[in-house]
Protein backbone atom coordinates (compact mmCIF):
# COMPACT_ATOMS: atom_id res chain seq x y z
CA MET A 1 155.25 110.82 139.66
CA THR A 2 152.92 113.70 139.28
CA ARG A 3 149.12 113.06 138.51
CA ALA A 4 149.55 114.61 135.08
CA ARG A 5 152.50 112.48 134.42
CA ALA A 6 150.76 109.31 135.62
CA ALA A 7 147.61 109.91 133.42
CA ARG A 8 149.83 110.89 130.52
CA ARG A 9 151.45 107.45 130.91
CA LEU A 10 148.52 105.38 131.41
CA ALA A 11 146.90 107.10 128.17
CA THR A 12 150.17 106.62 126.22
CA ALA A 13 150.01 102.83 127.46
CA ALA A 14 146.51 102.72 125.96
CA LEU A 15 147.74 103.68 122.46
CA PHE A 16 150.87 101.33 122.49
CA GLY A 17 149.50 98.58 124.26
CA GLY A 18 151.17 98.66 127.63
CA GLY A 19 149.63 96.86 130.38
CA GLY A 20 148.85 100.22 132.61
CA LEU A 21 148.40 98.00 136.08
CA GLY A 22 152.10 97.71 136.16
CA LEU A 23 152.33 101.53 137.35
CA LEU A 24 151.37 99.84 140.65
CA GLY A 25 153.87 96.97 140.77
CA GLY A 26 153.10 93.11 140.44
CA GLY A 27 152.66 92.42 144.27
CA ALA A 28 150.18 95.14 144.48
CA VAL A 29 148.19 93.73 141.42
CA GLY A 30 148.28 90.28 142.77
CA LEU A 31 147.02 91.50 146.19
CA LEU A 32 144.43 93.65 144.47
CA LYS A 33 143.01 90.55 142.40
CA LEU A 34 142.77 88.19 145.21
CA GLN A 35 140.92 90.74 147.81
CA ALA A 36 138.73 91.78 144.43
CA GLY A 37 137.12 88.55 144.34
CA ARG A 38 136.48 88.31 147.96
CA ALA A 39 134.86 92.03 147.80
CA ARG A 40 132.67 90.81 144.72
CA ASN A 41 131.32 87.89 146.67
CA LYS A 42 130.74 90.05 149.83
CA ILE A 43 128.90 92.77 147.71
CA GLY A 44 126.99 90.15 145.41
CA VAL A 45 124.91 90.85 142.26
CA SER A 46 121.01 90.62 142.36
CA ASP A 47 119.15 89.27 139.09
CA ASP A 48 116.63 92.03 139.46
CA ARG A 49 116.76 94.80 137.27
CA PRO A 50 114.84 98.24 137.27
CA PRO A 51 111.82 98.56 134.87
CA THR A 52 113.07 99.82 131.39
CA PRO A 53 113.29 103.63 131.23
CA ASP A 54 113.00 103.79 127.46
CA GLY A 55 110.63 106.11 126.15
CA VAL A 56 109.74 109.54 125.21
CA TYR A 57 110.27 112.21 128.22
CA GLY A 58 108.49 115.53 127.63
CA ALA A 59 106.15 114.26 125.14
CA GLU A 60 103.77 117.25 125.63
CA LEU A 61 106.36 119.87 124.39
CA PRO A 62 106.88 120.89 121.12
CA GLY A 63 109.45 120.14 118.48
CA GLU A 64 111.22 116.78 117.34
CA PRO A 65 112.47 114.50 120.09
CA ILE A 66 116.23 114.64 121.25
CA ARG A 67 117.63 111.08 120.53
CA PHE A 68 119.41 110.26 123.92
CA VAL A 69 121.23 107.31 124.60
CA MET A 70 122.73 105.92 128.04
CA LEU A 71 125.68 103.41 127.68
CA GLY A 72 128.09 101.85 130.23
CA ASP A 73 127.77 100.02 133.23
CA SER A 74 125.58 99.34 136.19
CA THR A 75 125.70 103.02 137.07
CA GLY A 76 123.98 103.65 133.91
CA VAL A 77 121.41 101.04 134.21
CA GLY A 78 120.32 102.65 137.65
CA TYR A 79 121.10 99.15 139.47
CA GLY A 80 119.04 98.67 142.67
CA MET A 81 116.27 101.13 141.53
CA LEU A 82 112.85 99.68 141.78
CA ARG A 83 111.21 102.58 139.66
CA ALA A 84 112.05 103.43 136.02
CA GLU A 85 111.76 107.02 136.90
CA ASP A 86 114.59 106.85 139.59
CA THR A 87 117.31 105.41 137.11
CA PRO A 88 119.95 107.71 135.33
CA PRO A 89 118.31 107.36 131.79
CA ALA A 90 115.16 108.60 133.11
CA LEU A 91 116.82 111.34 134.91
CA PHE A 92 118.70 112.58 131.93
CA GLY A 93 115.66 112.46 129.97
CA GLU A 94 113.39 114.22 132.15
CA GLY A 95 115.92 116.85 132.95
CA LEU A 96 117.11 117.35 129.02
CA SER A 97 113.74 117.78 128.03
CA GLN A 98 112.80 120.57 130.62
CA ILE A 99 116.35 122.42 129.88
CA ALA A 100 115.62 122.24 125.97
CA GLY A 101 111.90 122.48 126.10
CA ARG A 102 111.61 119.58 123.63
CA PRO A 103 110.87 115.94 123.92
CA VAL A 104 113.82 113.64 124.76
CA GLU A 105 113.64 110.00 123.26
CA VAL A 106 115.47 107.73 125.76
CA SER A 107 117.13 104.67 124.78
CA SER A 108 119.18 102.66 127.50
CA ARG A 109 121.77 99.98 126.40
CA ALA A 110 123.87 99.82 129.53
CA ILE A 111 124.49 96.59 130.91
CA VAL A 112 125.49 95.49 134.72
CA GLY A 113 128.73 94.10 134.94
CA ALA A 114 130.12 95.77 131.85
CA VAL A 115 133.53 96.76 130.96
CA SER A 116 135.27 99.33 128.60
CA THR A 117 135.72 96.68 125.97
CA ASP A 118 131.71 95.84 126.03
CA LEU A 119 131.00 99.38 124.78
CA ALA A 120 131.42 98.39 121.19
CA ALA A 121 128.38 95.86 121.38
CA GLN A 122 126.35 98.17 123.06
CA ILE A 123 127.31 101.12 120.49
CA ALA A 124 126.43 98.60 117.50
CA LEU A 125 122.77 98.40 119.04
CA VAL A 126 122.25 101.99 119.27
CA LEU A 127 123.67 103.34 115.83
CA PRO A 128 120.88 102.38 113.86
CA SER A 129 118.49 104.78 115.62
CA HIS A 130 121.11 107.59 114.93
CA PRO A 131 121.40 109.04 118.49
CA GLN A 132 122.17 112.75 118.82
CA VAL A 133 123.69 112.59 122.19
CA ALA A 134 125.12 109.93 124.48
CA ALA A 135 125.80 109.94 128.14
CA LEU A 136 128.42 107.05 129.21
CA VAL A 137 129.77 106.08 132.56
CA ILE A 138 132.33 103.38 132.67
CA GLY A 139 135.18 102.08 134.49
CA ALA A 140 134.48 100.68 137.81
CA ASN A 141 134.12 97.15 136.74
CA ASP A 142 137.67 97.42 134.92
CA VAL A 143 139.11 98.27 138.14
CA THR A 144 137.19 95.67 140.64
CA HIS A 145 137.65 92.87 138.04
CA VAL A 146 141.44 94.00 137.60
CA LYS A 147 141.34 94.19 133.70
CA ASN A 148 143.90 95.80 131.67
CA VAL A 149 143.52 99.13 132.65
CA SER A 150 145.15 100.65 129.57
CA GLY A 151 143.28 98.47 127.48
CA ALA A 152 140.12 100.04 128.93
CA VAL A 153 141.38 103.56 128.18
CA ALA A 154 141.79 102.64 124.66
CA ALA A 155 138.37 100.96 124.39
CA LEU A 156 136.60 103.90 125.63
CA GLY A 157 138.56 106.30 123.30
CA GLU A 158 137.55 103.98 120.52
CA ALA A 159 133.91 103.91 121.53
CA VAL A 160 133.82 107.98 121.66
CA ARG A 161 135.44 108.02 118.37
CA THR A 162 132.74 105.62 116.90
CA LEU A 163 130.11 107.76 118.29
CA ARG A 164 131.45 111.13 117.02
CA GLU A 165 132.14 109.78 113.56
CA ASN A 166 128.45 108.82 113.46
CA GLY A 167 127.16 112.28 114.56
CA CYS A 168 126.59 111.85 118.10
CA GLU A 169 127.87 113.83 120.82
CA VAL A 170 129.15 112.26 123.78
CA VAL A 171 129.55 113.16 127.31
CA VAL A 172 131.63 110.75 129.80
CA GLY A 173 131.33 110.44 133.31
CA THR A 174 134.68 109.29 134.54
CA CYS A 175 135.25 106.37 136.94
CA PRO A 176 134.23 106.97 140.21
CA ASP A 177 136.63 107.05 143.25
CA LEU A 178 136.10 103.46 144.54
CA GLY A 179 138.13 104.18 147.78
CA THR A 180 134.47 105.37 149.08
CA VAL A 181 133.26 101.81 148.81
CA ARG A 182 133.40 100.44 152.55
CA PRO A 183 132.67 96.84 151.67
CA LEU A 184 136.24 96.66 150.02
CA PRO A 185 138.83 96.05 152.65
CA GLN A 186 142.29 97.56 153.11
CA PRO A 187 144.79 97.72 151.49
CA LEU A 188 142.34 96.72 148.46
CA ARG A 189 140.34 100.05 149.13
CA MET A 190 143.54 102.38 149.12
CA LEU A 191 144.53 100.47 145.88
CA ALA A 192 141.26 100.69 144.16
CA ARG A 193 141.24 104.29 145.00
CA THR A 194 144.46 104.96 143.32
CA ILE A 195 144.05 102.84 140.34
CA SER A 196 140.31 104.59 140.02
CA ARG A 197 141.73 108.24 140.02
CA ARG A 198 144.53 107.34 137.58
CA LEU A 199 141.87 105.88 135.36
CA ALA A 200 139.69 108.75 135.44
CA ALA A 201 142.43 111.04 134.46
CA ALA A 202 143.41 108.88 131.93
CA GLN A 203 139.90 108.53 130.70
CA VAL A 204 139.70 112.31 130.38
CA ILE A 205 142.64 112.46 127.95
CA SER A 206 141.31 109.62 125.88
CA VAL A 207 137.66 111.17 125.56
CA VAL A 208 139.06 114.64 124.79
CA GLU A 209 141.42 113.19 122.10
CA ALA A 210 138.29 111.50 120.52
CA GLY A 211 136.24 114.19 120.44
CA GLY A 212 133.86 113.91 123.38
CA ARG A 213 133.32 115.78 126.82
CA ALA A 214 134.66 114.14 130.02
CA VAL A 215 132.87 115.21 133.46
CA SER A 216 134.85 114.34 136.44
CA LEU A 217 132.95 112.15 138.94
CA SER A 218 135.86 111.17 140.99
CA ASN A 219 136.35 113.91 143.50
CA LEU A 220 132.84 114.92 143.35
CA LEU A 221 131.31 111.55 144.33
CA GLN A 222 134.38 110.76 146.67
CA ARG A 223 133.28 113.78 148.87
CA ASP A 224 129.77 113.22 148.68
CA PHE A 225 129.45 109.60 149.02
CA TRP A 226 132.21 109.43 151.99
CA THR A 227 130.59 112.21 153.93
CA ALA A 228 126.97 110.70 153.50
CA PRO A 229 127.32 106.90 152.73
CA SER A 230 123.76 106.02 154.18
CA GLU A 231 122.23 108.31 151.76
CA LEU A 232 124.00 108.15 148.70
CA PHE A 233 124.97 104.47 148.60
CA GLY A 234 122.27 101.68 148.01
CA ASP A 235 121.80 98.45 150.25
CA ASP A 236 124.69 96.65 149.02
CA LYS A 237 127.04 99.72 150.04
CA PHE A 238 128.66 99.62 146.42
CA HIS A 239 126.03 100.95 144.09
CA PRO A 240 124.58 104.43 144.24
CA SER A 241 121.27 105.03 146.02
CA ALA A 242 118.45 107.11 144.37
CA ALA A 243 120.04 110.21 145.58
CA GLY A 244 123.53 109.08 144.44
CA TYR A 245 121.88 108.74 140.73
CA ALA A 246 120.72 111.92 141.01
CA SER A 247 123.75 113.49 142.31
CA MET A 248 125.79 111.86 139.27
CA VAL A 249 123.34 113.09 136.97
CA ALA A 250 123.31 116.65 137.94
CA ALA A 251 127.00 116.86 137.47
CA MET A 252 126.69 115.52 133.83
CA LEU A 253 123.23 116.95 132.85
CA PRO A 254 124.65 120.54 132.14
CA SER A 255 127.10 119.19 129.70
CA VAL A 256 124.83 116.94 127.98
CA ALA A 257 122.68 120.03 127.38
CA VAL A 258 125.57 122.16 125.91
CA ALA A 259 126.00 119.08 123.90
CA VAL A 260 123.02 119.71 121.86
CA GLY A 261 122.94 123.26 121.93
CA ALA A 262 120.40 123.63 124.94
CA TRP A 263 122.43 125.39 127.38
CA ASP A 264 123.74 129.04 127.19
CA ASP A 265 127.20 129.09 128.70
CA ASP A 266 127.23 133.12 128.77
CA GLU A 267 124.11 133.00 130.98
CA GLU A 268 124.55 129.92 133.33
CA SER A 269 128.02 128.82 133.89
CA ALA A 270 130.72 129.21 136.73
CA ALA A 271 133.94 129.04 134.56
CA PHE A 272 136.95 127.10 136.22
CA PRO A 273 138.30 130.11 136.70
CA GLU A 274 137.86 132.12 133.58
CA GLY A 275 137.38 129.03 131.46
CA ILE A 276 141.10 128.01 131.89
CA VAL A 277 142.77 126.29 129.27
CA LEU A 278 145.66 123.65 130.10
CA PRO A 279 147.33 120.61 128.14
CA VAL A 280 144.97 117.94 128.22
CA SER A 281 147.05 115.90 130.63
CA PHE A 282 147.26 118.74 133.17
CA ALA A 283 143.56 119.42 132.53
CA ALA A 284 142.73 115.74 133.53
CA ALA A 285 144.49 116.12 136.62
CA GLU A 286 142.83 119.15 137.70
CA ALA A 287 139.48 117.62 136.75
CA VAL A 288 140.17 114.46 138.99
CA ASP A 289 140.35 116.69 142.11
CA THR A 290 137.54 118.96 141.09
CA GLY A 291 134.36 116.98 140.91
CA GLY A 292 131.77 118.18 138.37
CA THR A 293 134.44 119.56 136.06
CA GLU A 294 134.01 119.24 132.17
CA VAL A 295 137.12 118.96 130.13
CA SER A 296 136.56 119.41 126.18
CA ARG A 297 138.65 120.39 123.39
CA SER A 298 139.93 124.03 123.08
CA GLU A 299 142.47 125.98 121.02
CA VAL A 300 144.99 128.59 122.11
CA ALA A 301 145.91 131.47 119.14
CA GLY A 302 143.96 129.25 116.53
CA ALA A 303 146.08 126.00 117.49
CA ALA A 304 144.48 122.92 118.75
CA ARG A 305 147.86 121.59 120.15
CA GLY A 306 150.87 123.06 121.97
CA PRO A 307 154.18 121.59 123.00
CA ARG A 308 152.40 119.43 125.54
CA GLY A 309 149.78 118.10 123.32
CA ARG A 310 146.38 118.94 122.74
CA TRP A 311 144.79 121.89 124.49
CA ALA A 312 141.55 121.44 126.66
CA ALA A 313 139.41 123.75 128.63
CA LEU A 314 138.19 123.29 132.02
CA ARG A 315 134.61 124.49 133.21
CA VAL A 316 132.20 123.73 135.88
CA ARG A 317 128.47 124.31 135.38
CA ARG A 318 126.14 124.86 138.07
């Protein structure tokens, strides 16, 4: 089964209620559940939380603040950080304020341990403040808790759709490659890698269909985290270190800036090559193998869809 076909199949299952994990077979899923429980006990979860990153960044800059929200799981929280300024919401706020030349009002509603079906509750908390742009990272817990993966894809799509219908731009960082997490024993690590990469590709399709932008973290973090685990993983060897969080934000920040009109692609982008446009399932498969790639809606000859579905553009920004 090709990567594009696997992504299409999982995304289709999300639409029509299939299980998703059945792609791996019942025996593999049973083993994954058993070892996942043991791995979670080994990694552990601390009750410590970083100081809140909420506030206005670049307050000295002119103009009305850009209203930014952070949603998702512990990666969005910045689990393990002792200083608010080291967390992803703060890094996004500081970085976006410098790019845009405007203040950025940051509100984080990401929750440690969240799965994709928790996004609806997070979104309900932020909609009254009328956010202009949201960054969202989710999926790792859907894999390690062996949730219904197609249900996770559907929940993510609905979350993006809700935000877009309320005037909020959305940038989603896809599920990281969990094959880099060394506390996970084999064969769990291999299975987690397979599921997380397929989930990431299906997330791309779901996000683009719902009107958001997806940025691939899978291959990007797989390469960097595997080659420098002591630098990019935190003490528990599962969550990122400060450098790991910064690597993730660096990959997503240009897309967040584009979403609010603060980034000029004509001057500061490296197209993938020449801003390639593919059917979204093929674009998703390419993105999983090319970390830092943004996938977003596009058109060909004025048409949003072709024989193989919605058109999507791939772009890598530096």
